Amino acid sequence: MRRRFDWLFYAAAASLLLCWSAPALADDASSAREHFARGYTLAESGNPDAAIREFEQAYAASPNPTVLYNLGQAYAAAGRSSDAIETLQQYLRVVGSAAGDARIRQVSSVLEYHAARVAKVTVTVEPVHAVLTVDGRTLDPGSHSLTLDPGPHGIWLSAPHFEPKHARVDVIAHENRELTLTLEPRPEPAQLLLVCSLRDVRVSVDGGVRGLAANARNIVLESGTHRIRLERDGYLPDEQTVELSPGETLAVYCRLAVDPKSPQQARLTVVHPQGTSLSLDSNTFVGGLVPPGAHELRVSGSGYVTELRQFALSPRQVAKLTVLPERASDVLSRAQAQARKRLRLASYVSAGAGVLSGALAAILYLDNHNRYAAWQEESRQTVRTLPEDPNAASRLDALLAEENSIRKRDSWALGLSVFSCSAVAASALLFIASRDDRDQIMVTTGALTGLRYQRSF
C-alpha cells in the first residue's frame, strides 16, 4: 500500500509540474512545436509513455530546455527513474541559475525522490578502449558509473581483436555495485596467399575443398600445420605442407607441371611476328602439347605492344592461333617521322623542279616572242619583193622552217609551264602531308542549365 501511495503521489506531483511548464517553445520549427503540443496533451491526460515519444522527437527537432524539462518529467511519471535523473540533471546544466530558485528546488526534489529508487553500478572494463552497451544503448569507450532502474539489465562489451562478452546484472533500489568486465584476446588468424598463374586450379586444404585458386587469393586459416593440394586436369598435382604462425601471411605458389602421359592433351600452334616471344601461363612456350582448359598467352617483343590472349582448349583439340600485336608507339613515331621527312624532301624537290621549269618556260617564251617578231618583219619584206627576187623560193622555205621552229618552241614553253604548275601543286600537297598530326579541340556549347530552389521543411 505504501509503494502504491508513493507512485500515486509522484504521478500527481509530476502532472502538477507539467502544468507549470506550459510556455511555448522558442524554436520556430513547426514539427518541434507539433510534437511538443501532442506530448504535452498526452502527459496531461495521464499517458506518459506516449508523451515521452513525442517529447523525444520534439527535442531532436529543436533542443529546447523546455522540451528537456518536460521529457524528464515524463520519464519520472513513467517510472523510468534513471532516465529522469539523467535528463533533469542535463536540464539543470543547460539552464543553470536562469531557471529560478523555485524551479531548481522543484527539480532537486524530484531528483532526490528518484535517487533513492535507482542503483549505482560502476563498470570497469579491460581493455579501456572496449565499447560498452547497456540495454541496447551504446556508451563511449572506457569505464562508466551507471544509474540503473531496479531489475535485470543486459551489458555487452566488445573491442576489436577481442572476444565479446555479455553479462546480466540484476540490481535493486539504492544499491551500489562495482562490476569488472575483462575481454579475452581473440586468437589472431593466419592467411595463406595463393599465387597461381593458371586458371581453374582446384585448391584443397587439409583434405577439404576450398574452391579455385586465383592469381592472388587469400585463405584465412588457423595457425599451425596445413596440407595444401593443387590440382588441374592435364597437370601433375602439387602437394605442399606449410606451417603458419598467428597473424602470418604466407605465400604459396602453384608448381603444377604438365603431365606428358595424359591422353587429354591438346596441341597448339601459334603464328606471331618474327622477333616476338611467347609465354603461356607465365611460362615460355614454343608450341606443342597443352593441357585442356583455360589458358593465357602473352606475345611480346622489341618494338611491339605486348598482347594478352585468353582462350580455352578442349581435350585432344588441335588448334592454331594467330596473334599480330600492334607496333609500339615509339617505333610508329619514328617510322612516321621518317615518312614525313621523305615527304618534305620530295616536296622541296618538286618545288625546285617546278620553279626551274617555270623559269625555262619564261625564258623560252620571251626568246620565242622576239624571234616571232623578227620572222613577221622578214615575211612582210619578202612578200613585197617577191615578184622580182630571184631567190624568193629559198627565202620562203627558210621562213617556213623558221615558223615551224617557233611553233615547236611555243609547244615546249607551254609544256614547261604546265609541268611547272603541276610540280608546284604537288609540292604544296606533299608539304601539307608532311606536317605533324595535331589534336583538334572542339568546344560544343549547349543550353545553360538553370537552377531552381524549392523550399521544403
Protein backbone atom coordinates (compact mmCIF):
# COMPACT_ATOMS: atom_id res chain seq x y z
CA MET A 1 0.00 0.00 0.00
CA ARG A 2 2.84 2.36 0.81
CA ARG A 3 4.50 1.66 -2.61
CA ARG A 4 1.19 2.30 -4.35
CA PHE A 5 0.76 5.54 -2.40
CA ASP A 6 4.26 6.66 -3.41
CA TRP A 7 3.54 6.20 -7.13
CA LEU A 8 0.19 7.97 -6.87
CA PHE A 9 1.80 10.83 -5.02
CA TYR A 10 4.55 11.16 -7.57
CA ALA A 11 2.19 10.94 -10.57
CA ALA A 12 0.13 13.77 -9.11
CA ALA A 13 3.24 15.85 -8.46
CA ALA A 14 4.54 15.21 -11.98
CA SER A 15 1.20 16.25 -13.51
CA LEU A 16 1.28 19.47 -11.49
CA LEU A 17 4.83 20.21 -12.60
CA LEU A 18 3.91 19.58 -16.22
CA CYS A 19 1.13 22.15 -15.95
CA TRP A 20 3.65 24.72 -14.73
CA SER A 21 5.87 24.10 -17.76
CA ALA A 22 3.35 25.14 -20.41
CA PRO A 23 5.27 28.07 -22.02
CA ALA A 24 5.56 27.60 -25.77
CA LEU A 25 8.83 26.67 -27.43
CA ALA A 26 11.02 29.48 -28.68
CA ASP A 27 12.09 27.43 -31.69
CA ASP A 28 10.34 28.28 -34.94
CA ALA A 29 10.39 24.69 -36.28
CA SER A 30 6.78 23.71 -36.81
CA SER A 31 7.49 19.99 -36.41
CA ALA A 32 9.03 20.57 -32.96
CA ARG A 33 6.01 22.63 -31.90
CA GLU A 34 3.61 19.95 -33.12
CA HIS A 35 5.41 17.13 -31.29
CA PHE A 36 5.68 19.26 -28.18
CA ALA A 37 1.97 20.11 -28.23
CA ARG A 38 0.97 16.45 -28.67
CA GLY A 39 3.37 15.39 -25.89
CA TYR A 40 2.01 18.00 -23.55
CA THR A 41 -1.58 16.87 -24.22
CA LEU A 42 -0.66 13.20 -23.71
CA ALA A 43 1.17 13.99 -20.45
CA GLU A 44 -1.84 15.89 -19.07
CA SER A 45 -4.12 13.01 -19.99
CA GLY A 46 -2.00 10.55 -17.98
CA ASN A 47 -0.21 8.78 -20.88
CA PRO A 48 3.49 9.40 -20.09
CA ASP A 49 4.84 6.64 -22.37
CA ALA A 50 3.27 8.19 -25.49
CA ALA A 51 4.27 11.66 -24.26
CA ILE A 52 7.90 10.52 -23.99
CA ARG A 53 7.97 9.58 -27.68
CA GLU A 54 6.57 12.98 -28.70
CA PHE A 55 8.93 14.94 -26.43
CA GLU A 56 11.94 12.97 -27.72
CA GLN A 57 11.02 13.83 -31.31
CA ALA A 58 10.45 17.47 -30.38
CA TYR A 59 13.87 17.68 -28.67
CA ALA A 60 15.55 16.03 -31.68
CA ALA A 61 14.00 18.69 -33.94
CA SER A 62 14.73 21.58 -31.56
CA PRO A 63 16.94 21.05 -28.46
CA ASN A 64 14.99 23.47 -26.27
CA PRO A 65 15.36 23.42 -22.45
CA THR A 66 11.58 23.46 -22.00
CA VAL A 67 11.29 20.23 -24.03
CA LEU A 68 14.12 18.72 -21.98
CA TYR A 69 12.37 19.62 -18.73
CA ASN A 70 9.06 18.12 -19.84
CA LEU A 71 10.82 14.99 -21.09
CA GLY A 72 12.40 14.49 -17.67
CA GLN A 73 9.00 14.84 -16.00
CA ALA A 74 7.50 12.31 -18.43
CA TYR A 75 10.31 9.84 -17.64
CA ALA A 76 9.58 10.32 -13.96
CA ALA A 77 5.83 9.79 -14.43
CA ALA A 78 6.54 6.57 -16.39
CA GLY A 79 8.71 5.21 -13.58
CA ARG A 80 11.94 5.43 -15.59
CA SER A 81 13.91 6.86 -12.71
CA SER A 82 17.38 6.57 -14.25
CA ASP A 83 16.31 8.37 -17.43
CA ALA A 84 14.52 11.01 -15.39
CA ILE A 85 17.64 11.67 -13.30
CA GLU A 86 19.92 11.92 -16.35
CA THR A 87 17.51 14.19 -18.26
CA LEU A 88 16.75 16.54 -15.36
CA GLN A 89 20.44 16.82 -14.47
CA GLN A 90 21.10 17.77 -18.09
CA TYR A 91 18.31 20.34 -17.84
CA LEU A 92 19.93 21.96 -14.80
CA ARG A 93 23.31 22.05 -16.57
CA VAL A 94 21.75 23.73 -19.61
CA VAL A 95 19.63 26.41 -17.89
CA GLY A 96 21.75 26.97 -14.77
CA SER A 97 20.59 29.76 -12.48
CA ALA A 98 18.29 31.11 -15.20
CA ALA A 99 15.70 28.51 -14.19
CA GLY A 100 14.94 30.40 -10.97
CA ASP A 101 15.11 29.26 -7.37
CA ALA A 102 11.59 27.82 -7.37
CA ARG A 103 12.18 25.68 -10.45
CA ILE A 104 15.56 24.49 -9.18
CA ARG A 105 14.00 23.42 -5.86
CA GLN A 106 11.26 21.54 -7.72
CA VAL A 107 13.73 19.68 -9.94
CA SER A 108 16.02 18.96 -6.99
CA SER A 109 13.14 17.41 -5.04
CA VAL A 110 12.29 15.17 -7.96
CA LEU A 111 15.94 14.16 -8.30
CA GLU A 112 16.15 13.38 -4.60
CA TYR A 113 12.98 11.31 -4.79
CA HIS A 114 14.24 9.17 -7.68
CA ALA A 115 17.81 8.91 -6.43
CA ALA A 116 16.50 6.63 -3.69
CA ARG A 117 14.84 4.39 -6.29
CA VAL A 118 17.83 3.61 -8.54
CA ALA A 119 21.02 1.58 -8.26
CA LYS A 120 24.56 2.77 -8.90
CA VAL A 121 26.74 0.36 -10.84
CA THR A 122 30.39 1.18 -11.53
CA VAL A 123 31.68 -0.78 -14.51
CA THR A 124 35.41 -1.15 -15.06
CA VAL A 125 36.37 -2.56 -18.46
CA GLU A 126 39.56 -4.11 -19.79
CA PRO A 127 40.82 -3.13 -22.31
CA VAL A 128 39.96 0.52 -21.73
CA HIS A 129 39.02 1.11 -25.38
CA ALA A 130 36.25 -1.51 -25.25
CA VAL A 131 32.75 -0.31 -26.18
CA LEU A 132 30.08 -0.79 -23.52
CA THR A 133 26.41 -1.34 -24.44
CA VAL A 134 23.78 -1.31 -21.69
CA ASP A 135 20.20 -2.32 -22.53
CA GLY A 136 20.86 -1.64 -26.22
CA ARG A 137 22.34 1.82 -25.63
CA THR A 138 26.00 2.17 -26.70
CA LEU A 139 28.27 4.22 -24.45
CA ASP A 140 31.66 5.75 -25.14
CA PRO A 141 34.74 3.54 -24.60
CA GLY A 142 36.08 3.37 -21.06
CA SER A 143 34.78 2.71 -17.57
CA HIS A 144 31.38 4.07 -16.52
CA SER A 145 29.32 4.86 -13.48
CA LEU A 146 25.80 3.76 -14.44
CA THR A 147 22.48 4.74 -12.92
CA LEU A 148 20.07 1.86 -13.45
CA ASP A 149 16.45 1.20 -12.60
CA PRO A 150 15.76 -1.78 -10.34
CA GLY A 151 15.56 -5.08 -12.19
CA PRO A 152 17.61 -7.04 -14.72
CA HIS A 153 19.86 -5.34 -17.26
CA GLY A 154 21.90 -6.64 -20.16
CA ILE A 155 25.51 -5.48 -20.61
CA TRP A 156 27.53 -6.14 -23.76
CA LEU A 157 31.25 -5.40 -24.06
CA SER A 158 33.19 -5.58 -27.34
CA ALA A 159 36.52 -4.46 -28.80
CA PRO A 160 38.46 -5.22 -31.99
CA HIS A 161 40.64 -8.36 -31.76
CA PHE A 162 38.91 -9.47 -28.53
CA GLU A 163 36.18 -11.99 -27.83
CA PRO A 164 32.97 -10.10 -26.91
CA LYS A 165 31.38 -10.66 -23.51
CA HIS A 166 27.77 -10.48 -22.33
CA ALA A 167 26.74 -10.03 -18.69
CA ARG A 168 23.39 -9.87 -16.90
CA VAL A 169 23.08 -7.59 -13.89
CA ASP A 170 20.07 -7.67 -11.54
CA VAL A 171 20.02 -4.63 -9.25
CA ILE A 172 17.74 -3.34 -6.50
CA ALA A 173 16.87 0.20 -5.45
CA HIS A 174 19.50 2.24 -3.62
CA GLU A 175 22.22 -0.35 -4.34
CA ASN A 176 25.88 0.46 -5.07
CA ARG A 177 27.73 -2.21 -7.02
CA GLU A 178 31.10 -2.49 -8.69
CA LEU A 179 31.46 -4.66 -11.79
CA THR A 180 34.66 -5.54 -13.65
CA LEU A 181 34.49 -6.90 -17.20
CA THR A 182 37.62 -8.23 -18.89
CA LEU A 183 37.78 -9.32 -22.53
CA GLU A 184 39.97 -12.20 -23.67
CA PRO A 185 42.16 -11.59 -26.75
CA ARG A 186 40.88 -13.29 -29.86
CA PRO A 187 43.42 -15.63 -31.46
CA GLU A 188 44.81 -13.85 -34.49
CA PRO A 189 44.25 -15.93 -37.64
CA ALA A 190 46.86 -16.60 -40.26
CA GLN A 191 46.45 -16.08 -44.01
CA LEU A 192 47.51 -18.22 -46.92
CA LEU A 193 48.16 -16.26 -50.13
CA LEU A 194 47.79 -18.47 -53.21
CA VAL A 195 49.71 -17.16 -56.22
CA CYS A 196 48.80 -19.09 -59.35
CA SER A 197 49.18 -18.05 -63.00
CA LEU A 198 46.97 -20.93 -64.13
CA ARG A 199 43.21 -20.69 -64.10
CA ASP A 200 40.69 -23.26 -62.80
CA VAL A 201 43.16 -24.79 -60.32
CA ARG A 202 41.33 -26.68 -57.58
CA VAL A 203 42.53 -25.99 -54.03
CA SER A 204 42.22 -28.38 -51.09
CA VAL A 205 43.32 -27.56 -47.55
CA ASP A 206 43.69 -30.48 -45.13
CA GLY A 207 41.53 -32.62 -47.41
CA GLY A 208 38.71 -30.06 -47.64
CA VAL A 209 37.96 -28.40 -50.98
CA ARG A 210 38.40 -24.60 -50.88
CA GLY A 211 37.29 -23.80 -54.44
CA LEU A 212 39.51 -22.48 -57.22
CA ALA A 213 42.82 -20.68 -56.95
CA ALA A 214 43.37 -17.24 -58.43
CA ASN A 215 46.35 -15.08 -59.30
CA ALA A 216 46.32 -13.79 -55.71
CA ARG A 217 43.76 -15.28 -53.33
CA ASN A 218 43.76 -15.08 -49.54
CA ILE A 219 42.56 -18.02 -47.44
CA VAL A 220 42.14 -17.38 -43.71
CA LEU A 221 43.35 -20.35 -41.62
CA GLU A 222 44.16 -21.11 -38.02
CA SER A 223 47.80 -21.14 -37.07
CA GLY A 224 49.55 -24.48 -37.25
CA THR A 225 50.44 -27.08 -39.87
CA HIS A 226 48.31 -27.44 -43.01
CA ARG A 227 48.46 -29.61 -46.11
CA ILE A 228 47.78 -27.81 -49.40
CA ARG A 229 46.93 -29.70 -52.62
CA LEU A 230 46.59 -28.02 -56.03
CA GLU A 231 45.08 -29.91 -58.98
CA ARG A 232 44.02 -29.37 -62.58
CA ASP A 233 43.28 -31.73 -65.45
CA GLY A 234 46.32 -32.36 -67.62
CA TYR A 235 48.78 -31.43 -64.86
CA LEU A 236 50.56 -33.39 -62.17
CA PRO A 237 49.08 -32.50 -58.73
CA ASP A 238 51.13 -30.31 -56.41
CA GLU A 239 51.12 -31.00 -52.67
CA GLN A 240 52.77 -28.70 -50.14
CA THR A 241 52.89 -28.67 -46.34
CA VAL A 242 53.02 -25.24 -44.68
CA GLU A 243 53.48 -24.05 -41.11
CA LEU A 244 51.52 -20.88 -40.21
CA SER A 245 52.17 -18.66 -37.21
CA PRO A 246 49.45 -16.43 -35.68
CA GLY A 247 48.97 -13.32 -37.81
CA GLU A 248 51.35 -14.57 -40.50
CA THR A 249 50.64 -14.23 -44.25
CA LEU A 250 52.41 -16.96 -46.21
CA ALA A 251 52.58 -17.03 -50.00
CA VAL A 252 52.18 -20.40 -51.74
CA TYR A 253 52.98 -20.61 -55.46
CA CYS A 254 51.46 -23.09 -57.88
CA ARG A 255 54.05 -25.54 -59.15
CA LEU A 256 51.90 -27.59 -61.48
CA ALA A 257 53.83 -29.41 -64.20
CA VAL A 258 52.30 -30.70 -67.43
CA ASP A 259 51.52 -34.41 -67.34
CA PRO A 260 53.07 -35.80 -70.54
CA LYS A 261 51.22 -39.11 -70.13
CA SER A 262 47.76 -37.56 -70.04
CA PRO A 263 45.67 -38.69 -73.04
CA GLN A 264 43.63 -35.47 -72.86
CA GLN A 265 46.43 -33.16 -74.01
CA ALA A 266 45.66 -30.69 -76.82
CA ARG A 267 48.12 -29.38 -79.42
CA LEU A 268 48.57 -25.65 -80.06
CA THR A 269 50.36 -23.80 -82.87
CA VAL A 270 50.84 -20.02 -82.60
CA VAL A 271 51.53 -17.67 -85.55
CA HIS A 272 53.24 -14.45 -84.43
CA PRO A 273 55.59 -11.80 -85.89
CA GLN A 274 59.28 -12.58 -86.16
CA GLY A 275 61.17 -11.00 -83.27
CA THR A 276 58.41 -11.66 -80.70
CA SER A 277 58.37 -14.33 -78.00
CA LEU A 278 55.56 -16.37 -76.47
CA SER A 279 54.64 -17.03 -72.84
CA LEU A 280 51.86 -19.45 -71.92
CA ASP A 281 50.56 -19.16 -68.35
CA SER A 282 53.74 -17.23 -67.41
CA ASN A 283 55.99 -19.98 -68.83
CA THR A 284 57.98 -19.82 -72.08
CA PHE A 285 56.11 -21.54 -74.88
CA VAL A 286 57.44 -22.75 -78.23
CA GLY A 287 54.40 -24.74 -79.33
CA GLY A 288 53.38 -28.32 -78.72
CA LEU A 289 51.21 -30.10 -76.17
CA VAL A 290 48.95 -28.02 -73.97
CA PRO A 291 46.60 -29.31 -71.24
CA PRO A 292 42.88 -28.71 -71.92
CA GLY A 293 41.08 -25.85 -70.22
CA ALA A 294 41.59 -22.09 -69.95
CA HIS A 295 44.97 -20.50 -70.68
CA GLU A 296 46.55 -17.08 -71.12
CA LEU A 297 49.03 -16.40 -73.95
CA ARG A 298 51.37 -13.41 -73.88
CA VAL A 299 53.09 -12.15 -77.06
CA SER A 300 55.83 -9.56 -76.56
CA GLY A 301 58.90 -8.25 -78.33
CA SER A 302 61.01 -5.21 -79.01
CA GLY A 303 59.04 -2.65 -80.99
CA TYR A 304 55.67 -4.33 -80.30
CA VAL A 305 52.89 -3.72 -77.81
CA THR A 306 52.53 -6.71 -75.50
CA GLU A 307 49.27 -8.52 -76.23
CA LEU A 308 47.43 -10.93 -73.95
CA ARG A 309 45.11 -13.51 -75.40
CA GLN A 310 42.88 -15.75 -73.29
CA PHE A 311 41.49 -18.93 -74.79
CA ALA A 312 40.28 -22.41 -73.86
CA LEU A 313 41.13 -25.79 -75.39
CA SER A 314 39.09 -28.95 -75.47
CA PRO A 315 40.66 -32.34 -74.75
CA ARG A 316 42.75 -33.62 -77.71
CA GLN A 317 41.97 -30.46 -79.74
CA VAL A 318 44.40 -29.33 -82.46
CA ALA A 319 44.31 -25.55 -82.58
CA LYS A 320 46.11 -22.77 -84.44
CA LEU A 321 46.19 -19.24 -83.03
CA THR A 322 47.31 -16.13 -84.93
CA VAL A 323 48.43 -13.17 -82.82
CA LEU A 324 49.62 -9.98 -84.54
CA PRO A 325 50.39 -7.37 -81.87
CA GLU A 326 50.48 -3.69 -82.70
CA ARG A 327 53.75 -1.91 -83.19
CA ALA A 328 54.95 0.05 -80.18
CA SER A 329 54.15 3.74 -80.16
CA ASP A 330 57.81 4.81 -80.20
CA VAL A 331 58.51 2.63 -83.25
CA LEU A 332 55.46 4.01 -85.01
CA SER A 333 56.51 7.54 -84.12
CA ARG A 334 59.98 7.04 -85.61
CA ALA A 335 58.52 5.46 -88.79
CA GLN A 336 56.03 8.31 -89.15
CA ALA A 337 58.79 10.87 -88.62
CA GLN A 338 60.87 9.24 -91.35
CA ALA A 339 57.87 9.20 -93.70
CA ARG A 340 57.20 12.89 -93.02
CA LYS A 341 60.85 13.66 -93.66
CA ARG A 342 60.75 11.88 -97.03
CA LEU A 343 57.54 13.69 -97.99
CA ARG A 344 59.06 17.03 -97.06
CA LEU A 345 62.18 16.28 -99.14
CA ALA A 346 60.01 15.26 -102.09
CA SER A 347 58.06 18.50 -101.62
CA TYR A 348 61.25 20.54 -101.84
CA VAL A 349 62.47 18.65 -104.93
CA SER A 350 59.10 19.06 -106.63
CA ALA A 351 59.04 22.76 -105.79
CA GLY A 352 62.57 23.22 -107.16
CA ALA A 353 61.69 21.36 -110.38
CA GLY A 354 58.55 23.49 -110.73
CA VAL A 355 60.42 26.75 -110.28
CA LEU A 356 63.20 25.68 -112.67
CA SER A 357 60.79 24.54 -115.38
CA GLY A 358 58.77 27.75 -114.94
CA ALA A 359 61.92 29.85 -115.38
CA LEU A 360 62.89 27.88 -118.51
CA ALA A 361 59.38 28.31 -119.89
CA ALA A 362 59.56 32.07 -119.31
CA ILE A 363 62.98 32.39 -120.95
CA LEU A 364 61.87 30.26 -123.89
CA TYR A 365 58.69 32.27 -124.27
CA LEU A 366 60.47 35.65 -124.26
CA ASP A 367 63.13 34.48 -126.72
CA ASN A 368 60.49 32.97 -129.00
CA HIS A 369 58.50 36.19 -128.85
CA ASN A 370 61.46 38.16 -130.20
CA ARG A 371 62.10 35.56 -132.93
CA TYR A 372 58.42 35.68 -133.90
CA ALA A 373 58.55 39.48 -134.25
CA ALA A 374 61.64 39.22 -136.46
CA TRP A 375 60.00 36.46 -138.53
CA GLN A 376 56.94 38.66 -139.11
CA GLU A 377 59.10 41.58 -140.30
CA GLU A 378 61.10 39.40 -142.63
CA SER A 379 57.87 37.85 -144.01
CA ARG A 380 56.49 41.30 -144.90
CA GLN A 381 59.69 42.27 -146.71
CA THR A 382 59.76 39.02 -148.63
CA VAL A 383 56.15 39.47 -149.75
CA ARG A 384 56.93 42.99 -151.08
CA THR A 385 59.99 41.85 -153.07
CA LEU A 386 58.63 38.51 -154.16
CA PRO A 387 57.98 39.27 -157.90
CA GLU A 388 61.47 40.49 -158.77
CA ASP A 389 63.51 38.44 -156.24
CA PRO A 390 65.31 35.55 -157.92
CA ASN A 391 65.86 33.85 -154.52
CA ALA A 392 62.21 34.07 -153.46
CA ALA A 393 61.72 30.30 -153.31
CA SER A 394 64.66 29.71 -150.98
CA ARG A 395 63.61 32.63 -148.74
CA LEU A 396 60.06 31.22 -148.48
CA ASP A 397 61.47 27.82 -147.49
CA ALA A 398 63.60 29.47 -144.83
CA LEU A 399 60.59 31.42 -143.46
CA LEU A 400 58.53 28.21 -143.35
CA ALA A 401 61.29 26.37 -141.47
CA GLU A 402 61.58 29.28 -139.01
CA GLU A 403 57.82 29.24 -138.44
CA ASN A 404 57.90 25.53 -137.63
CA SER A 405 60.78 26.12 -135.22
CA ILE A 406 58.85 28.92 -133.48
CA ARG A 407 55.78 26.71 -133.11
CA LYS A 408 57.85 23.89 -131.57
CA ARG A 409 59.45 26.30 -129.10
CA ASP A 410 55.97 27.57 -128.17
CA SER A 411 54.87 23.98 -127.53
CA TRP A 412 57.92 23.45 -125.34
CA ALA A 413 57.21 26.66 -123.39
CA LEU A 414 53.59 25.60 -122.87
CA GLY A 415 54.63 22.13 -121.74
CA LEU A 416 57.18 23.53 -119.31
CA SER A 417 54.54 25.91 -117.90
CA VAL A 418 52.08 23.09 -117.34
CA PHE A 419 54.80 20.96 -115.73
CA SER A 420 55.83 23.90 -113.51
CA CYS A 421 52.27 24.42 -112.25
CA SER A 422 51.82 20.68 -111.61
CA ALA A 423 55.14 20.44 -109.78
CA VAL A 424 54.32 23.42 -107.55
CA ALA A 425 50.86 21.98 -106.76
CA ALA A 426 52.39 18.57 -105.99
CA SER A 427 54.96 20.27 -103.76
CA ALA A 428 52.21 22.02 -101.79
CA LEU A 429 50.30 18.75 -101.33
CA LEU A 430 53.43 16.90 -100.24
CA PHE A 431 54.29 19.66 -97.78
CA ILE A 432 50.80 19.56 -96.27
CA ALA A 433 51.02 15.77 -95.98
CA SER A 434 54.40 16.02 -94.22
CA ARG A 435 53.08 18.14 -91.33
CA ASP A 436 52.70 16.62 -87.85
CA ASP A 437 49.25 15.46 -86.83
CA ARG A 438 47.88 17.71 -84.13
CA ASP A 439 44.92 17.15 -81.89
CA GLN A 440 41.94 19.29 -82.73
CA ILE A 441 39.95 20.66 -79.80
CA MET A 442 36.23 21.07 -80.28
CA VAL A 443 34.07 23.08 -77.90
CA THR A 444 30.40 22.23 -78.16
CA THR A 445 28.07 24.60 -76.37
CA GLY A 446 24.57 23.74 -75.31
CA ALA A 447 21.71 25.25 -73.38
CA LEU A 448 22.60 26.64 -69.98
CA THR A 449 21.31 24.63 -67.04
CA GLY A 450 19.05 26.68 -64.83
CA LEU A 451 18.96 26.13 -61.06
CA ARG A 452 15.68 26.33 -59.20
CA TYR A 453 15.37 26.25 -55.44
CA GLN A 454 12.36 24.63 -53.84
CA ARG A 455 11.60 25.19 -50.21
CA SER A 456 10.78 22.11 -48.18
CA PHE A 457 10.72 21.79 -44.39
